[in-house]
Amino acid sequence: MEHSLSEQYAAFGISAKVLDFAAPILRELRGRFDAIDETADYCQLRVIRAMQENHVGEAHLKGTTGYGYDDIGRDALEKVYASYFGTEDALVRPQITCGTHALALALMGNLRPGEILVSAAGKPYDTLEEVIGIRPSRGSLAEYGIQYRQVDLLPDGNFDFEGIRKVLQEDTDHRIRLVTIQRSKGYQTRRTLSVSQIGEAVSFIKNIRPDVRCMTDNCYGEFVERIEPSHVGADMVVGSLIKNPGGGLAPVGGYIAGTRECVENAAVRLTSPGLGKEVGPSLDVLPSMYQGFFLGPTVTASALKGAVFAASLYERLGFSVLPDGQESRHDIIQSITFGNPEGVIAFCQGIQASSPVDSFVDAFPAPMPGYDSDVIMAAGAFVSGSSIELSADGPIKPPYAVYFQGGLTWPHAKLGILRTVQNFVDRGLVSI
């Protein structure tokens, strides 16, 4: 027996009232969705070209074990990443466990005791605070005598160029070696930086100090625009394969794409001095890494549609959203500020209940390694912790904002968002 779409949604507890509320918003978004699909088309063609230029063949899908010497599949995948990102080299490994690990490798490999790291985009993501030593932690950069300076963004979210100039010019003995720029907002209510903005900052820094390396934390930003920070001067771009470039298929991994020197410096931190990129078996993950990268642009497009839909719905409900429903997008993250923990919890529980995996599990706040407050995380994912899959999380502290991202398919993203609204209605947090 055939059932209508509304009857299918009803099976997930979504009322006709919520569907009616969302219907005109969906109609208004058709033009935005067409533009997102066009960017996905562009990036998809670039990915295919990168694979063809590097002659990816069936033999490259076979893995290695042990030392991983002469792993042609691993080496070709790194050439594909370098081609796509327009860099001299890349390190793409399953031994990189997450985005924070990739960033730590890039920082630790390219900084030496007595040198200084500068963040030009304000406070970094929470888990990097312990890597840097902002919060004391064993093995941090601070423990190795690497100092840290921070230039906050201006209140309007733009770079403080005069602040950056001052920090660079005060470094008369040239100990500043690396400037990092975090593209996405992390657990902050600021705007994500566009590739154009990052390029302007990199150019500004290089004009003052050509010897300084510039690194971009590219997490959540890949495939959102037609170019990447490496195309506008960044010496390194760094990210996680369980975000955009893994396409929902890569089970683990991270990447560092950049100059040959920067990549090799990171590689010897990952493996060992004298070994570098020569060792590191690909095991049995190469097919998922290649295919995930291939699917990345269209999967990212689905996540972007979900972000735009969530922004438009919750803006209409009266909540503060960033970006808003009309702004251009530079990553897949959507922040929504509720002003109370009940809103964060209701939203995350709606996402969890819509998941294909662990939908029967309730999400609740709890302590998490690397964070200074309880955090609630919702993600019924095929890959544990994958934030390119439909997920939401947030620290339980003011301003009580949730950070929503992912969605391997647009229909799943839409279901999850509608379920969150239904939670708000059922719990009396909104009326429609």
Protein backbone atom coordinates (compact mmCIF):
# COMPACT_ATOMS: atom_id res chain seq x y z
CA MET A 1 0.00 0.00 0.00
CA GLU A 2 1.32 3.44 -0.93
CA HIS A 3 1.61 6.11 1.71
CA SER A 4 1.94 9.85 1.30
CA LEU A 5 5.12 11.67 2.31
CA SER A 6 3.30 13.29 5.22
CA GLU A 7 2.32 9.84 6.47
CA GLN A 8 5.98 8.80 6.36
CA TYR A 9 6.92 11.86 8.42
CA ALA A 10 4.08 11.08 10.83
CA ALA A 11 5.73 7.73 11.51
CA PHE A 12 8.65 9.74 12.93
CA GLY A 13 6.33 11.76 15.14
CA ILE A 14 6.34 14.87 12.94
CA SER A 15 2.96 16.56 12.87
CA ALA A 16 1.15 18.15 9.94
CA LYS A 17 1.46 21.44 11.81
CA VAL A 18 5.26 21.30 11.65
CA LEU A 19 5.22 20.23 7.98
CA ASP A 20 2.90 23.11 7.13
CA PHE A 21 5.19 25.53 8.95
CA ALA A 22 8.22 24.28 6.97
CA ALA A 23 6.59 24.05 3.52
CA PRO A 24 6.79 27.73 2.46
CA ILE A 25 10.36 27.97 3.75
CA LEU A 26 11.37 25.02 1.59
CA ARG A 27 9.82 26.67 -1.46
CA GLU A 28 11.77 29.85 -0.78
CA LEU A 29 15.05 27.91 -0.63
CA ARG A 30 14.93 26.36 -4.09
CA GLY A 31 17.16 29.03 -5.59
CA ARG A 32 19.72 28.66 -2.78
CA PHE A 33 19.75 24.90 -3.23
CA ASP A 34 20.36 25.27 -6.97
CA ALA A 35 23.42 27.41 -6.25
CA ILE A 36 24.73 24.85 -3.75
CA ASP A 37 24.32 22.09 -6.35
CA GLU A 38 26.23 24.17 -8.91
CA THR A 39 29.20 24.51 -6.54
CA ALA A 40 29.05 20.76 -5.90
CA ASP A 41 29.16 20.15 -9.67
CA TYR A 42 32.24 22.36 -9.96
CA CYS A 43 34.08 20.69 -7.08
CA GLN A 44 33.07 17.22 -8.25
CA LEU A 45 34.67 17.82 -11.63
CA ARG A 46 37.85 19.04 -9.95
CA VAL A 47 37.99 15.88 -7.82
CA ILE A 48 37.55 13.64 -10.86
CA ARG A 49 40.23 15.58 -12.72
CA ALA A 50 42.65 15.18 -9.79
CA MET A 51 42.08 11.42 -9.82
CA GLN A 52 42.48 11.15 -13.58
CA GLU A 53 45.62 13.30 -13.65
CA ASN A 54 47.24 10.98 -11.14
CA HIS A 55 46.17 7.85 -13.03
CA VAL A 56 44.26 6.25 -10.19
CA GLY A 57 43.69 2.60 -11.08
CA GLU A 58 42.32 -0.53 -9.49
CA ALA A 59 45.76 -1.40 -8.13
CA HIS A 60 45.68 1.75 -6.02
CA LEU A 61 42.71 0.44 -4.03
CA LYS A 62 44.75 -2.40 -2.51
CA GLY A 63 46.19 -1.85 0.94
CA THR A 64 49.43 -2.70 2.68
CA THR A 65 50.35 -3.86 6.19
CA GLY A 66 53.39 -3.64 8.41
CA TYR A 67 55.73 -0.83 7.46
CA GLY A 68 53.76 0.09 4.37
CA TYR A 69 56.83 0.50 2.18
CA ASP A 70 56.06 1.27 -1.48
CA ASP A 71 52.33 1.67 -0.83
CA ILE A 72 51.30 2.93 -4.25
CA GLY A 73 47.68 3.46 -3.25
CA ARG A 74 48.61 5.65 -0.28
CA ASP A 75 51.10 7.63 -2.34
CA ALA A 76 48.63 8.18 -5.19
CA LEU A 77 45.91 9.31 -2.78
CA GLU A 78 48.28 11.93 -1.38
CA LYS A 79 49.00 13.13 -4.92
CA VAL A 80 45.25 13.39 -5.54
CA TYR A 81 44.84 15.58 -2.45
CA ALA A 82 47.82 17.72 -3.47
CA SER A 83 46.33 18.15 -6.95
CA TYR A 84 42.92 19.14 -5.62
CA PHE A 85 44.29 21.57 -3.05
CA GLY A 86 46.90 22.96 -5.44
CA THR A 87 49.82 22.15 -3.14
CA GLU A 88 53.26 20.60 -3.55
CA ASP A 89 52.52 17.63 -1.32
CA ALA A 90 50.02 16.10 1.09
CA LEU A 91 49.92 13.72 4.03
CA VAL A 92 46.70 11.65 4.08
CA ARG A 93 46.80 8.81 6.57
CA PRO A 94 44.52 6.54 8.61
CA GLN A 95 47.11 6.87 11.38
CA ILE A 96 45.90 10.47 11.85
CA THR A 97 43.05 9.89 14.27
CA CYS A 98 41.09 13.15 14.03
CA GLY A 99 41.21 16.81 13.06
CA THR A 100 42.83 17.83 16.34
CA HIS A 101 45.55 15.22 15.76
CA ALA A 102 46.19 16.54 12.23
CA LEU A 103 46.44 20.10 13.53
CA ALA A 104 48.75 19.03 16.36
CA LEU A 105 51.04 17.28 13.86
CA ALA A 106 51.13 20.35 11.63
CA LEU A 107 51.95 22.63 14.57
CA MET A 108 54.43 20.38 16.34
CA GLY A 109 56.18 19.45 13.12
CA ASN A 110 56.66 23.05 12.01
CA LEU A 111 57.53 24.79 15.28
CA ARG A 112 60.69 24.49 17.35
CA PRO A 113 61.50 25.39 20.98
CA GLY A 114 61.85 29.13 21.43
CA GLU A 115 59.60 29.95 18.47
CA ILE A 116 56.19 31.61 18.64
CA LEU A 117 52.81 30.53 17.29
CA VAL A 118 50.25 33.25 16.51
CA SER A 119 46.51 32.75 16.07
CA ALA A 120 45.22 35.51 13.80
CA ALA A 121 41.56 34.51 14.21
CA GLY A 122 41.17 34.70 17.97
CA LYS A 123 40.55 31.79 20.30
CA PRO A 124 41.10 28.39 18.68
CA TYR A 125 38.77 25.41 18.98
CA ASP A 126 38.51 24.02 22.52
CA THR A 127 40.57 20.86 21.94
CA LEU A 128 43.49 22.91 20.59
CA GLU A 129 43.78 24.81 23.87
CA GLU A 130 45.53 21.81 25.41
CA VAL A 131 47.63 21.20 22.28
CA ILE A 132 48.93 24.77 22.48
CA GLY A 133 49.08 24.91 26.26
CA ILE A 134 46.50 27.63 26.84
CA ARG A 135 45.09 25.09 29.25
CA PRO A 136 48.06 23.21 30.76
CA SER A 137 48.36 19.70 29.36
CA ARG A 138 51.03 17.04 29.12
CA GLY A 139 52.98 17.24 25.86
CA SER A 140 51.66 20.69 24.85
CA LEU A 141 53.59 23.16 22.72
CA ALA A 142 54.12 25.23 25.86
CA GLU A 143 55.93 22.31 27.52
CA TYR A 144 58.37 22.36 24.61
CA GLY A 145 59.06 26.07 25.03
CA ILE A 146 56.87 27.25 22.16
CA GLN A 147 55.07 30.48 23.03
CA TYR A 148 51.65 31.63 21.90
CA ARG A 149 50.18 34.96 20.86
CA GLN A 150 46.56 35.65 19.92
CA VAL A 151 45.00 38.42 17.86
CA ASP A 152 41.24 38.48 18.28
CA LEU A 153 38.93 39.19 15.40
CA LEU A 154 37.21 42.56 15.34
CA PRO A 155 33.63 42.80 16.67
CA ASP A 156 32.34 42.61 13.09
CA GLY A 157 34.13 39.27 12.57
CA ASN A 158 36.88 40.60 10.31
CA PHE A 159 40.62 40.32 10.85
CA ASP A 160 42.27 42.91 13.07
CA PHE A 161 44.99 43.83 10.58
CA GLU A 162 46.49 46.49 12.80
CA GLY A 163 46.64 44.01 15.67
CA ILE A 164 48.35 41.46 13.42
CA ARG A 165 50.80 44.10 12.18
CA LYS A 166 51.67 45.07 15.75
CA VAL A 167 52.36 41.47 16.84
CA LEU A 168 54.54 40.82 13.78
CA GLN A 169 56.48 44.07 14.02
CA GLU A 170 57.12 43.66 17.75
CA ASP A 171 58.81 40.33 16.98
CA THR A 172 62.19 41.97 16.31
CA ASP A 173 64.18 38.74 16.74
CA HIS A 174 61.91 36.88 14.29
CA ARG A 175 60.76 34.15 16.63
CA ILE A 176 57.23 34.07 15.15
CA ARG A 177 57.40 31.09 12.85
CA LEU A 178 53.79 30.16 12.15
CA VAL A 179 50.44 31.95 12.01
CA THR A 180 47.31 29.81 12.23
CA ILE A 181 43.87 30.80 10.99
CA GLN A 182 40.82 28.78 11.98
CA ARG A 183 38.33 28.94 9.14
CA SER A 184 35.28 27.67 11.01
CA LYS A 185 33.80 29.13 14.16
CA GLY A 186 34.26 26.21 16.56
CA TYR A 187 32.21 26.72 19.72
CA GLN A 188 31.97 30.46 19.10
CA THR A 189 29.20 32.65 17.78
CA ARG A 190 31.29 34.32 15.11
CA ARG A 191 31.08 34.15 11.36
CA THR A 192 33.07 31.57 9.49
CA LEU A 193 35.90 33.08 7.48
CA SER A 194 35.64 32.94 3.70
CA VAL A 195 38.50 31.80 1.50
CA SER A 196 38.73 35.37 0.19
CA GLN A 197 39.13 36.76 3.74
CA ILE A 198 41.77 34.16 4.55
CA GLY A 199 43.65 35.00 1.35
CA GLU A 200 43.64 38.68 2.26
CA ALA A 201 45.04 37.90 5.72
CA VAL A 202 47.74 35.57 4.36
CA SER A 203 48.84 38.20 1.83
CA PHE A 204 48.96 40.84 4.58
CA ILE A 205 51.08 38.61 6.83
CA LYS A 206 53.47 37.60 4.03
CA ASN A 207 53.99 41.21 2.97
CA ILE A 208 55.22 42.04 6.48
CA ARG A 209 57.00 38.76 7.20
CA PRO A 210 57.66 36.58 4.13
CA ASP A 211 59.43 34.03 6.35
CA VAL A 212 56.32 33.25 8.39
CA ARG A 213 54.29 30.17 7.47
CA CYS A 214 50.51 30.43 7.36
CA MET A 215 48.31 27.47 8.24
CA THR A 216 44.55 27.16 7.90
CA ASP A 217 42.42 24.86 10.02
CA ASN A 218 40.15 23.87 7.14
CA CYS A 219 37.78 21.60 9.10
CA TYR A 220 34.16 21.74 7.88
CA GLY A 221 35.09 24.02 4.95
CA GLU A 222 36.19 21.68 2.16
CA PHE A 223 34.05 21.78 -1.03
CA VAL A 224 31.86 24.59 0.32
CA GLU A 225 33.53 27.10 -1.99
CA ARG A 226 35.12 26.56 -5.39
CA ILE A 227 38.63 27.15 -4.08
CA GLU A 228 40.44 26.33 -0.84
CA PRO A 229 42.75 28.45 1.36
CA SER A 230 45.77 26.77 -0.24
CA HIS A 231 44.80 28.44 -3.53
CA VAL A 232 45.15 31.88 -1.94
CA GLY A 233 48.53 31.49 -0.29
CA ALA A 234 48.17 29.28 2.80
CA ASP A 235 51.29 27.14 3.29
CA MET A 236 49.22 24.37 4.89
CA VAL A 237 45.56 23.39 4.99
CA VAL A 238 44.59 20.80 7.57
CA GLY A 239 41.44 18.76 8.13
CA SER A 240 39.74 15.53 9.12
CA LEU A 241 38.51 12.70 6.89
CA ILE A 242 35.45 12.11 9.07
CA LYS A 243 34.32 15.54 8.01
CA ASN A 244 33.78 16.82 4.46
CA PRO A 245 36.62 15.19 2.48
CA GLY A 246 35.84 11.68 3.74
CA GLY A 247 32.39 11.83 2.18
CA GLY A 248 30.91 9.78 5.03
CA LEU A 249 32.83 6.67 3.93
CA ALA A 250 36.33 7.15 5.34
CA PRO A 251 36.34 5.38 8.73
CA VAL A 252 39.23 7.44 10.13
CA GLY A 253 41.99 9.76 9.01
CA GLY A 254 43.17 13.29 8.51
CA TYR A 255 45.10 15.30 5.95
CA ILE A 256 47.73 18.01 5.75
CA ALA A 257 48.21 19.56 2.30
CA GLY A 258 50.86 22.18 1.71
CA THR A 259 54.43 22.92 0.82
CA ARG A 260 56.75 19.95 0.57
CA GLU A 261 58.75 21.14 3.58
CA CYS A 262 55.71 21.67 5.80
CA VAL A 263 54.25 18.28 4.93
CA GLU A 264 57.52 16.44 5.50
CA ASN A 265 57.96 18.20 8.84
CA ALA A 266 54.53 16.93 9.89
CA ALA A 267 55.26 13.43 8.54
CA VAL A 268 58.31 12.96 10.75
CA ARG A 269 56.18 13.83 13.77
CA LEU A 270 53.56 11.28 12.71
CA THR A 271 56.10 8.48 12.18
CA SER A 272 59.73 9.13 13.12
CA PRO A 273 62.70 11.24 12.11
CA GLY A 274 64.37 9.48 9.21
CA LEU A 275 61.17 7.67 8.23
CA GLY A 276 58.70 10.44 7.41
CA LYS A 277 56.25 9.57 4.64
CA GLU A 278 58.00 6.35 3.68
CA VAL A 279 56.23 4.25 6.31
CA GLY A 280 52.59 3.92 7.30
CA PRO A 281 50.45 1.09 5.94
CA SER A 282 47.08 1.94 4.39
CA LEU A 283 45.62 -1.36 5.67
CA ASP A 284 42.20 -1.89 4.08
CA VAL A 285 40.83 1.68 4.08
CA LEU A 286 41.96 2.96 0.66
CA PRO A 287 38.68 2.22 -1.19
CA SER A 288 36.68 4.20 1.37
CA MET A 289 39.20 7.06 1.34
CA TYR A 290 39.21 7.34 -2.44
CA GLN A 291 35.46 6.91 -2.81
CA GLY A 292 34.76 9.20 0.14
CA PHE A 293 36.82 11.96 -1.45
CA PHE A 294 34.98 11.33 -4.72
CA LEU A 295 31.59 11.69 -2.99
CA GLY A 296 32.71 14.59 -0.80
CA PRO A 297 31.34 17.46 -2.92
CA THR A 298 27.81 16.07 -3.17
CA VAL A 299 27.72 14.97 0.46
CA THR A 300 28.89 18.44 1.50
CA ALA A 301 26.10 19.92 -0.63
CA SER A 302 23.53 17.87 1.28
CA ALA A 303 24.96 19.11 4.57
CA LEU A 304 24.87 22.70 3.32
CA LYS A 305 21.22 22.40 2.36
CA GLY A 306 20.48 21.14 5.86
CA ALA A 307 22.35 24.08 7.40
CA VAL A 308 20.47 26.61 5.29
CA PHE A 309 17.14 24.95 6.09
CA ALA A 310 17.87 24.89 9.83
CA ALA A 311 18.89 28.56 9.76
CA SER A 312 15.75 29.58 7.92
CA LEU A 313 13.42 27.59 10.18
CA TYR A 314 14.90 28.69 13.49
CA GLU A 315 15.25 32.28 12.36
CA ARG A 316 11.53 32.21 11.61
CA LEU A 317 10.96 30.82 15.11
CA GLY A 318 12.73 33.85 16.59
CA PHE A 319 16.12 32.44 17.54
CA SER A 320 19.52 33.95 16.79
CA VAL A 321 21.20 31.96 14.01
CA LEU A 322 24.65 32.26 12.46
CA PRO A 323 24.88 32.40 9.51
CA ASP A 324 21.34 33.57 8.86
CA GLY A 325 19.14 32.08 6.18
CA GLN A 326 20.33 34.48 3.47
CA GLU A 327 24.08 34.78 4.06
CA SER A 328 26.73 33.15 1.91
CA ARG A 329 28.18 29.95 3.39
CA HIS A 330 31.81 29.12 4.03
CA ASP A 331 31.46 25.94 6.09
CA ILE A 332 28.75 23.39 6.92
CA ILE A 333 28.23 24.45 10.55
CA GLN A 334 25.04 26.15 11.66
CA SER A 335 24.92 27.70 15.11
CA ILE A 336 21.62 28.43 16.82
CA THR A 337 21.57 30.25 20.14
CA PHE A 338 18.77 29.30 22.52
CA GLY A 339 19.85 31.08 25.70
CA ASN A 340 19.07 28.06 27.89
CA PRO A 341 20.23 24.45 28.21
CA GLU A 342 16.72 23.08 27.53
CA GLY A 343 16.89 24.30 23.94
CA VAL A 344 20.30 22.77 23.30
CA ILE A 345 19.16 19.44 24.75
CA ALA A 346 15.84 19.39 22.85
CA PHE A 347 17.62 20.08 19.56
CA CYS A 348 20.30 17.42 20.07
CA GLN A 349 17.76 14.82 21.17
CA GLY A 350 15.76 15.49 18.00
CA ILE A 351 18.84 14.83 15.86
CA GLN A 352 19.66 11.64 17.79
CA ALA A 353 16.11 10.34 17.42
CA SER A 354 16.33 10.82 13.64
CA SER A 355 19.53 8.81 13.24
CA PRO A 356 19.77 5.49 11.39
CA VAL A 357 22.11 4.19 14.13
CA ASP A 358 21.38 4.47 17.87
CA SER A 359 18.09 6.30 17.32
CA PHE A 360 16.82 4.69 20.54
CA VAL A 361 19.56 6.37 22.60
CA ASP A 362 18.88 9.64 24.43
CA ALA A 363 21.57 12.31 24.19
CA PHE A 364 22.48 14.00 27.48
CA PRO A 365 25.22 16.43 28.55
CA ALA A 366 28.38 14.84 29.98
CA PRO A 367 32.07 15.62 30.55
CA MET A 368 34.20 15.19 27.40
CA PRO A 369 38.00 14.99 27.05
CA GLY A 370 39.46 18.29 25.84
CA TYR A 371 36.49 20.46 26.91
CA ASP A 372 36.12 22.69 29.95
CA SER A 373 32.36 22.14 30.44
CA ASP A 374 29.80 19.39 29.96
CA VAL A 375 29.04 18.83 26.29
CA ILE A 376 26.04 17.22 24.63
CA MET A 377 26.72 15.37 21.39
CA ALA A 378 24.15 13.77 19.12
CA ALA A 379 25.27 11.58 16.25
CA GLY A 380 23.83 8.22 15.35
CA ALA A 381 26.53 7.71 12.77
CA PHE A 382 27.93 4.85 10.72
CA VAL A 383 31.40 6.17 11.59
CA SER A 384 31.78 7.02 15.26
CA GLY A 385 32.15 10.76 15.77
CA SER A 386 31.71 11.56 12.09
CA SER A 387 30.50 15.15 11.83
CA ILE A 388 29.83 15.02 8.10
CA GLU A 389 27.01 12.70 9.14
CA LEU A 390 23.95 14.33 10.68
CA SER A 391 25.09 15.55 14.08
CA ALA A 392 24.71 18.32 16.62
CA ASP A 393 26.62 19.27 19.71
CA GLY A 394 27.29 22.12 22.07
CA PRO A 395 28.81 23.01 25.42
CA ILE A 396 26.35 23.44 28.27
CA LYS A 397 27.37 26.98 29.13
CA PRO A 398 26.25 30.48 28.09
CA PRO A 399 25.14 31.51 25.55
CA TYR A 400 23.73 27.96 25.22
CA ALA A 401 24.20 27.56 21.50
CA VAL A 402 23.98 24.36 19.48
CA TYR A 403 26.25 23.60 16.55
CA PHE A 404 24.54 21.58 13.85
CA GLN A 405 26.31 20.02 10.90
CA GLY A 406 26.30 17.19 8.45
CA GLY A 407 23.81 15.02 6.65
CA LEU A 408 24.98 12.46 4.12
CA THR A 409 21.76 13.04 2.21
CA TRP A 410 19.43 16.02 2.05
CA PRO A 411 16.31 13.94 2.95
CA HIS A 412 17.99 12.77 6.14
CA ALA A 413 19.10 16.30 7.05
CA LYS A 414 15.56 17.54 6.48
CA LEU A 415 14.08 14.80 8.66
CA GLY A 416 16.45 15.59 11.52
CA ILE A 417 15.72 19.31 11.44
CA LEU A 418 11.96 18.78 11.35
CA ARG A 419 12.24 16.42 14.32
CA THR A 420 14.08 19.08 16.34
CA VAL A 421 11.28 21.56 15.67
CA GLN A 422 8.73 18.96 16.73
CA ASN A 423 10.63 18.55 20.01
CA PHE A 424 10.44 22.30 20.60
CA VAL A 425 6.71 22.30 19.93
CA ASP A 426 6.03 19.25 22.10
CA ARG A 427 8.05 20.67 25.03
CA GLY A 428 6.42 24.08 24.87
CA LEU A 429 9.65 25.85 23.89
CA VAL A 430 8.01 27.41 20.80
CA SER A 431 4.55 27.81 19.35
CA ILE A 432 3.79 27.77 15.64
